[in-house]
Amino acid sequence: MKTMAPFANEAESMQIGGLTLENRTDRIAVYGNLDLTRDKDGLRNARTLKAVLDRIVTTLEGDKALPDKVAPPKKPRQVKNPFR
């Protein structure tokens, strides 16, 4: 199972089925789709998701300087197309 250290960098991501978790230093972005089916694959995916969420919760609980709220991400700025 591929793992990531929550909030440790801006480069890691992982997939569980069609669900993607992207690591950032101030947030974990979660998007996509995951069916937790009632079979061995579903159990494996559920355990993987639980393990990742447990690591995220443990990291947050261990942060003594946890702010009340982080600033929303900055909106990307548009640049002129250099190929036009």
PDB file of N, CA and C in Angstrom:
ATOM      1  N   MET A   1       0.840  -1.178   0.000  1.00  0.00           N
ATOM      2  CA  MET A   1       0.000   0.000   0.000  1.00  0.00           C
ATOM      3  C   MET A   1       0.886   1.243   0.000  1.00  0.00           C
ATOM      4  N   LYS A   2       0.642   2.128  -0.944  1.00  0.00           N
ATOM      5  CA  LYS A   2       1.372   3.390  -0.988  1.00  0.00           C
ATOM      6  C   LYS A   2       0.838   4.296   0.112  1.00  0.00           C
ATOM      7  N   THR A   3       1.732   4.935   0.817  1.00  0.00           N
ATOM      8  CA  THR A   3       1.321   5.836   1.885  1.00  0.00           C
ATOM      9  C   THR A   3       1.892   7.223   1.638  1.00  0.00           C
ATOM     10  N   MET A   4       1.407   8.180   2.399  1.00  0.00           N
ATOM     11  CA  MET A   4       1.969   9.523   2.332  1.00  0.00           C
ATOM     12  C   MET A   4       1.968  10.099   3.738  1.00  0.00           C
ATOM     13  N   ALA A   5       2.901  10.978   3.988  1.00  0.00           N
ATOM     14  CA  ALA A   5       2.986  11.650   5.279  1.00  0.00           C
ATOM     15  C   ALA A   5       2.107  12.900   5.212  1.00  0.00           C
ATOM     16  N   PRO A   6       0.966  12.912   5.907  1.00  0.00           N
ATOM     17  CA  PRO A   6       0.040  14.038   5.798  1.00  0.00           C
ATOM     18  C   PRO A   6       0.679  15.383   6.120  1.00  0.00           C
ATOM     19  N   PHE A   7       0.410  16.359   5.279  1.00  0.00           N
ATOM     20  CA  PHE A   7       0.834  17.746   5.448  1.00  0.00           C
ATOM     21  C   PHE A   7       2.352  17.931   5.388  1.00  0.00           C
ATOM     22  N   ALA A   8       3.083  16.936   4.917  1.00  0.00           N
ATOM     23  CA  ALA A   8       4.545  16.985   4.940  1.00  0.00           C
ATOM     24  C   ALA A   8       5.142  17.702   3.738  1.00  0.00           C
ATOM     25  N   ASN A   9       4.424  17.767   2.639  1.00  0.00           N
ATOM     26  CA  ASN A   9       4.994  18.372   1.436  1.00  0.00           C
ATOM     27  C   ASN A   9       3.888  18.725   0.453  1.00  0.00           C
ATOM     28  N   GLU A  10       4.278  19.272  -0.666  1.00  0.00           N
ATOM     29  CA  GLU A  10       3.336  19.671  -1.705  1.00  0.00           C
ATOM     30  C   GLU A  10       3.440  18.761  -2.925  1.00  0.00           C
ATOM     31  N   ALA A  11       4.013  17.576  -2.758  1.00  0.00           N
ATOM     32  CA  ALA A  11       4.317  16.749  -3.918  1.00  0.00           C
ATOM     33  C   ALA A  11       3.633  15.395  -3.934  1.00  0.00           C
ATOM     34  N   GLU A  12       3.232  14.875  -2.790  1.00  0.00           N
ATOM     35  CA  GLU A  12       2.702  13.516  -2.743  1.00  0.00           C
ATOM     36  C   GLU A  12       1.207  13.469  -3.036  1.00  0.00           C
ATOM     37  N   SER A  13       0.816  12.400  -3.673  1.00  0.00           N
ATOM     38  CA  SER A  13      -0.596  12.088  -3.823  1.00  0.00           C
ATOM     39  C   SER A  13      -0.727  10.576  -3.863  1.00  0.00           C
ATOM     40  N   MET A  14      -1.931  10.106  -3.623  1.00  0.00           N
ATOM     41  CA  MET A  14      -2.170   8.670  -3.700  1.00  0.00           C
ATOM     42  C   MET A  14      -3.588   8.436  -4.182  1.00  0.00           C
ATOM     43  N   GLN A  15      -3.811   7.259  -4.718  1.00  0.00           N
ATOM     44  CA  GLN A  15      -5.137   6.895  -5.193  1.00  0.00           C
ATOM     45  C   GLN A  15      -5.602   5.638  -4.497  1.00  0.00           C
ATOM     46  N   ILE A  16      -6.885   5.624  -4.180  1.00  0.00           N
ATOM     47  CA  ILE A  16      -7.563   4.435  -3.691  1.00  0.00           C
ATOM     48  C   ILE A  16      -8.742   4.258  -4.635  1.00  0.00           C
ATOM     49  N   GLY A  17      -8.656   3.296  -5.524  1.00  0.00           N
ATOM     50  CA  GLY A  17      -9.670   3.187  -6.568  1.00  0.00           C
ATOM     51  C   GLY A  17      -9.659   4.469  -7.381  1.00  0.00           C
ATOM     52  N   GLY A  18     -10.813   5.107  -7.506  1.00  0.00           N
ATOM     53  CA  GLY A  18     -10.903   6.367  -8.235  1.00  0.00           C
ATOM     54  C   GLY A  18     -10.826   7.589  -7.343  1.00  0.00           C
ATOM     55  N   LEU A  19     -10.497   7.397  -6.067  1.00  0.00           N
ATOM     56  CA  LEU A  19     -10.393   8.498  -5.112  1.00  0.00           C
ATOM     57  C   LEU A  19      -8.944   8.960  -5.046  1.00  0.00           C
ATOM     58  N   THR A  20      -8.719  10.251  -5.170  1.00  0.00           N
ATOM     59  CA  THR A  20      -7.378  10.820  -5.111  1.00  0.00           C
ATOM     60  C   THR A  20      -7.242  11.673  -3.870  1.00  0.00           C
ATOM     61  N   LEU A  21      -6.107  11.521  -3.191  1.00  0.00           N
ATOM     62  CA  LEU A  21      -5.762  12.359  -2.045  1.00  0.00           C
ATOM     63  C   LEU A  21      -4.464  13.070  -2.392  1.00  0.00           C
ATOM     64  N   GLU A  22      -4.486  14.397  -2.411  1.00  0.00           N
ATOM     65  CA  GLU A  22      -3.307  15.202  -2.740  1.00  0.00           C
ATOM     66  C   GLU A  22      -2.810  15.906  -1.487  1.00  0.00           C
ATOM     67  N   ASN A  23      -1.546  15.730  -1.211  1.00  0.00           N
ATOM     68  CA  ASN A  23      -0.909  16.295  -0.035  1.00  0.00           C
ATOM     69  C   ASN A  23      -0.548  17.756  -0.276  1.00  0.00           C
ATOM     70  N   ARG A  24      -0.820  18.577   0.699  1.00  0.00           N
ATOM     71  CA  ARG A  24      -0.372  19.963   0.742  1.00  0.00           C
ATOM     72  C   ARG A  24       0.127  20.198   2.155  1.00  0.00           C
ATOM     73  N   THR A  25       0.798  21.294   2.396  1.00  0.00           N
ATOM     74  CA  THR A  25       1.291  21.550   3.749  1.00  0.00           C
ATOM     75  C   THR A  25       0.193  22.094   4.665  1.00  0.00           C
ATOM     76  N   ASP A  26      -0.890  22.611   4.079  1.00  0.00           N
ATOM     77  CA  ASP A  26      -1.965  23.166   4.909  1.00  0.00           C
ATOM     78  C   ASP A  26      -3.312  22.485   4.704  1.00  0.00           C
ATOM     79  N   ARG A  27      -3.368  21.482   3.823  1.00  0.00           N
ATOM     80  CA  ARG A  27      -4.633  20.789   3.566  1.00  0.00           C
ATOM     81  C   ARG A  27      -4.375  19.494   2.801  1.00  0.00           C
ATOM     82  N   ILE A  28      -5.316  18.586   2.852  1.00  0.00           N
ATOM     83  CA  ILE A  28      -5.298  17.384   2.024  1.00  0.00           C
ATOM     84  C   ILE A  28      -6.514  17.504   1.106  1.00  0.00           C
ATOM     85  N   ALA A  29      -6.302  17.536  -0.187  1.00  0.00           N
ATOM     86  CA  ALA A  29      -7.404  17.599  -1.138  1.00  0.00           C
ATOM     87  C   ALA A  29      -7.857  16.175  -1.439  1.00  0.00           C
ATOM     88  N   VAL A  30      -9.158  15.943  -1.324  1.00  0.00           N
ATOM     89  CA  VAL A  30      -9.737  14.627  -1.584  1.00  0.00           C
ATOM     90  C   VAL A  30     -10.797  14.797  -2.657  1.00  0.00           C
ATOM     91  N   TYR A  31     -10.640  14.060  -3.741  1.00  0.00           N
ATOM     92  CA  TYR A  31     -11.639  14.135  -4.802  1.00  0.00           C
ATOM     93  C   TYR A  31     -11.682  12.828  -5.572  1.00  0.00           C
ATOM     94  N   GLY A  32     -12.759  12.652  -6.283  1.00  0.00           N
ATOM     95  CA  GLY A  32     -12.915  11.441  -7.083  1.00  0.00           C
ATOM     96  C   GLY A  32     -14.074  10.599  -6.584  1.00  0.00           C
ATOM     97  N   ASN A  33     -13.991   9.320  -6.867  1.00  0.00           N
ATOM     98  CA  ASN A  33     -15.080   8.405  -6.595  1.00  0.00           C
ATOM     99  C   ASN A  33     -14.520   7.077  -6.120  1.00  0.00           C
ATOM    100  N   LEU A  34     -15.106   6.516  -5.090  1.00  0.00           N
ATOM    101  CA  LEU A  34     -14.660   5.221  -4.581  1.00  0.00           C
ATOM    102  C   LEU A  34     -15.881   4.427  -4.152  1.00  0.00           C
ATOM    103  N   ASP A  35     -16.063   3.262  -4.740  1.00  0.00           N
ATOM    104  CA  ASP A  35     -17.107   2.337  -4.310  1.00  0.00           C
ATOM    105  C   ASP A  35     -16.481   1.342  -3.352  1.00  0.00           C
ATOM    106  N   LEU A  36     -17.011   1.276  -2.142  1.00  0.00           N
ATOM    107  CA  LEU A  36     -16.561   0.282  -1.179  1.00  0.00           C
ATOM    108  C   LEU A  36     -17.505  -0.912  -1.317  1.00  0.00           C
ATOM    109  N   THR A  37     -17.102  -1.830  -2.163  1.00  0.00           N
ATOM    110  CA  THR A  37     -17.933  -2.983  -2.485  1.00  0.00           C
ATOM    111  C   THR A  37     -17.847  -4.042  -1.393  1.00  0.00           C
ATOM    112  N   ARG A  38     -18.851  -4.882  -1.332  1.00  0.00           N
ATOM    113  CA  ARG A  38     -18.897  -5.921  -0.303  1.00  0.00           C
ATOM    114  C   ARG A  38     -18.165  -7.166  -0.798  1.00  0.00           C
ATOM    115  N   ASP A  39     -16.845  -7.010  -0.928  1.00  0.00           N
ATOM    116  CA  ASP A  39     -15.977  -8.106  -1.356  1.00  0.00           C
ATOM    117  C   ASP A  39     -14.567  -7.820  -0.856  1.00  0.00           C
ATOM    118  N   LYS A  40     -13.606  -8.642  -1.250  1.00  0.00           N
ATOM    119  CA  LYS A  40     -12.237  -8.475  -0.761  1.00  0.00           C
ATOM    120  C   LYS A  40     -11.620  -7.173  -1.243  1.00  0.00           C
ATOM    121  N   ASP A  41     -11.921  -6.775  -2.475  1.00  0.00           N
ATOM    122  CA  ASP A  41     -11.416  -5.484  -2.961  1.00  0.00           C
ATOM    123  C   ASP A  41     -11.994  -4.337  -2.138  1.00  0.00           C
ATOM    124  N   GLY A  42     -13.283  -4.400  -1.831  1.00  0.00           N
ATOM    125  CA  GLY A  42     -13.916  -3.365  -1.027  1.00  0.00           C
ATOM    126  C   GLY A  42     -13.308  -3.283   0.366  1.00  0.00           C
ATOM    127  N   LEU A  43     -13.028  -4.439   0.947  1.00  0.00           N
ATOM    128  CA  LEU A  43     -12.405  -4.471   2.269  1.00  0.00           C
ATOM    129  C   LEU A  43     -11.008  -3.869   2.221  1.00  0.00           C
ATOM    130  N   ARG A  44     -10.235  -4.223   1.201  1.00  0.00           N
ATOM    131  CA  ARG A  44      -8.884  -3.665   1.057  1.00  0.00           C
ATOM    132  C   ARG A  44      -8.945  -2.147   0.895  1.00  0.00           C
ATOM    133  N   ASN A  45      -9.848  -1.661   0.048  1.00  0.00           N
ATOM    134  CA  ASN A  45      -9.977  -0.220  -0.158  1.00  0.00           C
ATOM    135  C   ASN A  45     -10.430   0.490   1.113  1.00  0.00           C
ATOM    136  N   ALA A  46     -11.361  -0.116   1.852  1.00  0.00           N
ATOM    137  CA  ALA A  46     -11.844   0.486   3.097  1.00  0.00           C
ATOM    138  C   ALA A  46     -10.722   0.560   4.132  1.00  0.00           C
ATOM    139  N   ARG A  47      -9.941  -0.489   4.231  1.00  0.00           N
ATOM    140  CA  ARG A  47      -8.816  -0.479   5.182  1.00  0.00           C
ATOM    141  C   ARG A  47      -7.770   0.564   4.796  1.00  0.00           C
ATOM    142  N   THR A  48      -7.498   0.679   3.506  1.00  0.00           N
ATOM    143  CA  THR A  48      -6.529   1.676   3.035  1.00  0.00           C
ATOM    144  C   THR A  48      -7.022   3.081   3.352  1.00  0.00           C
ATOM    145  N   LEU A  49      -8.284   3.360   3.048  1.00  0.00           N
ATOM    146  CA  LEU A  49      -8.861   4.675   3.327  1.00  0.00           C
ATOM    147  C   LEU A  49      -8.835   4.964   4.828  1.00  0.00           C
ATOM    148  N   LYS A  50      -9.196   3.991   5.643  1.00  0.00           N
ATOM    149  CA  LYS A  50      -9.177   4.164   7.094  1.00  0.00           C
ATOM    150  C   LYS A  50      -7.768   4.454   7.593  1.00  0.00           C
ATOM    151  N   ALA A  51      -6.779   3.739   7.071  1.00  0.00           N
ATOM    152  CA  ALA A  51      -5.393   3.951   7.502  1.00  0.00           C
ATOM    153  C   ALA A  51      -4.932   5.363   7.167  1.00  0.00           C
ATOM    154  N   VAL A  52      -5.274   5.846   5.981  1.00  0.00           N
ATOM    155  CA  VAL A  52      -4.887   7.204   5.581  1.00  0.00           C
ATOM    156  C   VAL A  52      -5.584   8.224   6.471  1.00  0.00           C
ATOM    157  N   LEU A  53      -6.883   8.064   6.676  1.00  0.00           N
ATOM    158  CA  LEU A  53      -7.615   9.007   7.529  1.00  0.00           C
ATOM    159  C   LEU A  53      -7.112   8.963   8.969  1.00  0.00           C
ATOM    160  N   ASP A  54      -6.765   7.783   9.471  1.00  0.00           N
ATOM    161  CA  ASP A  54      -6.199   7.685  10.818  1.00  0.00           C
ATOM    162  C   ASP A  54      -4.881   8.456  10.920  1.00  0.00           C
ATOM    163  N   ARG A  55      -4.025   8.364   9.882  1.00  0.00           N
ATOM    164  CA  ARG A  55      -2.762   9.113   9.890  1.00  0.00           C
ATOM    165  C   ARG A  55      -3.018  10.617   9.855  1.00  0.00           C
ATOM    166  N   ILE A  56      -4.004  11.034   9.066  1.00  0.00           N
ATOM    167  CA  ILE A  56      -4.336  12.462   8.984  1.00  0.00           C
ATOM    168  C   ILE A  56      -4.823  12.959  10.348  1.00  0.00           C
ATOM    169  N   VAL A  57      -5.736  12.220  10.979  1.00  0.00           N
ATOM    170  CA  VAL A  57      -6.270  12.619  12.284  1.00  0.00           C
ATOM    171  C   VAL A  57      -5.157  12.650  13.328  1.00  0.00           C
ATOM    172  N   THR A  58      -4.298  11.652  13.345  1.00  0.00           N
ATOM    173  CA  THR A  58      -3.190  11.614  14.306  1.00  0.00           C
ATOM    174  C   THR A  58      -2.266  12.812  14.118  1.00  0.00           C
ATOM    175  N   THR A  59      -1.976  13.159  12.869  1.00  0.00           N
ATOM    176  CA  THR A  59      -1.124  14.319  12.585  1.00  0.00           C
ATOM    177  C   THR A  59      -1.781  15.601  13.080  1.00  0.00           C
ATOM    178  N   LEU A  60      -3.075  15.759  12.812  1.00  0.00           N
ATOM    179  CA  LEU A  60      -3.779  16.963  13.265  1.00  0.00           C
ATOM    180  C   LEU A  60      -3.846  17.029  14.784  1.00  0.00           C
ATOM    181  N   GLU A  61      -4.132  15.909  15.431  1.00  0.00           N
ATOM    182  CA  GLU A  61      -4.216  15.894  16.894  1.00  0.00           C
ATOM    183  C   GLU A  61      -2.874  16.186  17.550  1.00  0.00           C
ATOM    184  N   GLY A  62      -1.784  15.833  16.877  1.00  0.00           N
ATOM    185  CA  GLY A  62      -0.454  16.050  17.438  1.00  0.00           C
ATOM    186  C   GLY A  62       0.094  17.448  17.222  1.00  0.00           C
ATOM    187  N   ASP A  63      -0.600  18.277  16.463  1.00  0.00           N
ATOM    188  CA  ASP A  63      -0.134  19.632  16.179  1.00  0.00           C
ATOM    189  C   ASP A  63      -0.613  20.576  17.273  1.00  0.00           C
ATOM    190  N   LYS A  64       0.290  20.961  18.147  1.00  0.00           N
ATOM    191  CA  LYS A  64      -0.064  21.830  19.284  1.00  0.00           C
ATOM    192  C   LYS A  64      -0.345  23.264  18.854  1.00  0.00           C
ATOM    193  N   ALA A  65       0.108  23.645  17.655  1.00  0.00           N
ATOM    194  CA  ALA A  65      -0.103  25.014  17.164  1.00  0.00           C
ATOM    195  C   ALA A  65      -1.179  25.044  16.075  1.00  0.00           C
ATOM    196  N   LEU A  66      -2.126  24.138  16.149  1.00  0.00           N
ATOM    197  CA  LEU A  66      -3.172  24.040  15.129  1.00  0.00           C
ATOM    198  C   LEU A  66      -4.032  25.305  15.141  1.00  0.00           C
ATOM    199  N   PRO A  67      -4.116  26.004  14.019  1.00  0.00           N
ATOM    200  CA  PRO A  67      -4.929  27.222  13.987  1.00  0.00           C
ATOM    201  C   PRO A  67      -6.424  26.874  13.982  1.00  0.00           C
ATOM    202  N   ASP A  68      -7.250  27.866  14.269  1.00  0.00           N
ATOM    203  CA  ASP A  68      -8.698  27.663  14.210  1.00  0.00           C
ATOM    204  C   ASP A  68      -9.146  27.392  12.778  1.00  0.00           C
ATOM    205  N   LYS A  69      -8.491  28.063  11.829  1.00  0.00           N
ATOM    206  CA  LYS A  69      -8.874  27.918  10.422  1.00  0.00           C
ATOM    207  C   LYS A  69      -7.706  28.364   9.546  1.00  0.00           C
ATOM    208  N   VAL A  70      -7.491  27.668   8.426  1.00  0.00           N
ATOM    209  CA  VAL A  70      -6.470  28.104   7.477  1.00  0.00           C
ATOM    210  C   VAL A  70      -7.120  28.989   6.428  1.00  0.00           C
ATOM    211  N   ALA A  71      -6.322  29.832   5.815  1.00  0.00           N
ATOM    212  CA  ALA A  71      -6.817  30.699   4.756  1.00  0.00           C
ATOM    213  C   ALA A  71      -7.205  29.854   3.550  1.00  0.00           C
ATOM    214  N   PRO A  72      -8.232  30.264   2.820  1.00  0.00           N
ATOM    215  CA  PRO A  72      -8.590  29.511   1.621  1.00  0.00           C
ATOM    216  C   PRO A  72      -7.459  29.586   0.597  1.00  0.00           C
ATOM    217  N   PRO A  73      -7.374  28.605  -0.277  1.00  0.00           N
ATOM    218  CA  PRO A  73      -6.295  28.643  -1.272  1.00  0.00           C
ATOM    219  C   PRO A  73      -6.440  29.862  -2.176  1.00  0.00           C
ATOM    220  N   LYS A  74      -5.300  30.385  -2.608  1.00  0.00           N
ATOM    221  CA  LYS A  74      -5.322  31.535  -3.509  1.00  0.00           C
ATOM    222  C   LYS A  74      -5.855  31.096  -4.858  1.00  0.00           C
ATOM    223  N   LYS A  75      -6.654  31.962  -5.461  1.00  0.00           N
ATOM    224  CA  LYS A  75      -7.181  31.664  -6.790  1.00  0.00           C
ATOM    225  C   LYS A  75      -6.061  31.840  -7.799  1.00  0.00           C
ATOM    226  N   PRO A  76      -5.979  30.937  -8.777  1.00  0.00           N
ATOM    227  CA  PRO A  76      -4.920  31.086  -9.785  1.00  0.00           C
ATOM    228  C   PRO A  76      -5.152  32.343 -10.612  1.00  0.00           C
ATOM    229  N   ARG A  77      -4.057  32.954 -11.011  1.00  0.00           N
ATOM    230  CA  ARG A  77      -4.198  34.149 -11.839  1.00  0.00           C
ATOM    231  C   ARG A  77      -4.020  33.756 -13.304  1.00  0.00           C
ATOM    232  N   GLN A  78      -4.707  34.456 -14.146  1.00  0.00           N
ATOM    233  CA  GLN A  78      -4.647  34.174 -15.570  1.00  0.00           C
ATOM    234  C   GLN A  78      -3.473  34.924 -16.191  1.00  0.00           C
ATOM    235  N   VAL A  79      -2.748  34.258 -17.047  1.00  0.00           N
ATOM    236  CA  VAL A  79      -1.635  34.888 -17.757  1.00  0.00           C
ATOM    237  C   VAL A  79      -1.920  34.871 -19.249  1.00  0.00           C
ATOM    238  N   LYS A  80      -1.296  35.793 -19.941  1.00  0.00           N
ATOM    239  CA  LYS A  80      -1.486  35.893 -21.385  1.00  0.00           C
ATOM    240  C   LYS A  80      -0.865  34.655 -22.040  1.00  0.00           C
ATOM    241  N   ASN A  81      -1.565  34.114 -23.019  1.00  0.00           N
ATOM    242  CA  ASN A  81      -1.095  32.956 -23.765  1.00  0.00           C
ATOM    243  C   ASN A  81       0.128  33.358 -24.600  1.00  0.00           C
ATOM    244  N   PRO A  82       1.298  32.777 -24.338  1.00  0.00           N
ATOM    245  CA  PRO A  82       2.498  33.175 -25.067  1.00  0.00           C
ATOM    246  C   PRO A  82       2.527  32.644 -26.510  1.00  0.00           C
ATOM    247  N   PHE A  83       1.582  31.790 -26.875  1.00  0.00           N
ATOM    248  CA  PHE A  83       1.578  31.193 -28.211  1.00  0.00           C
ATOM    249  C   PHE A  83       0.594  31.877 -29.152  1.00  0.00           C
ATOM    250  N   ARG A  84      -0.008  32.952 -28.722  1.00  0.00           N
ATOM    251  CA  ARG A  84      -0.948  33.681 -29.586  1.00  0.00           C
ATOM    252  C   ARG A  84      -0.307  34.909 -30.137  1.00  0.00           C
TER     253      ARG A  84
END
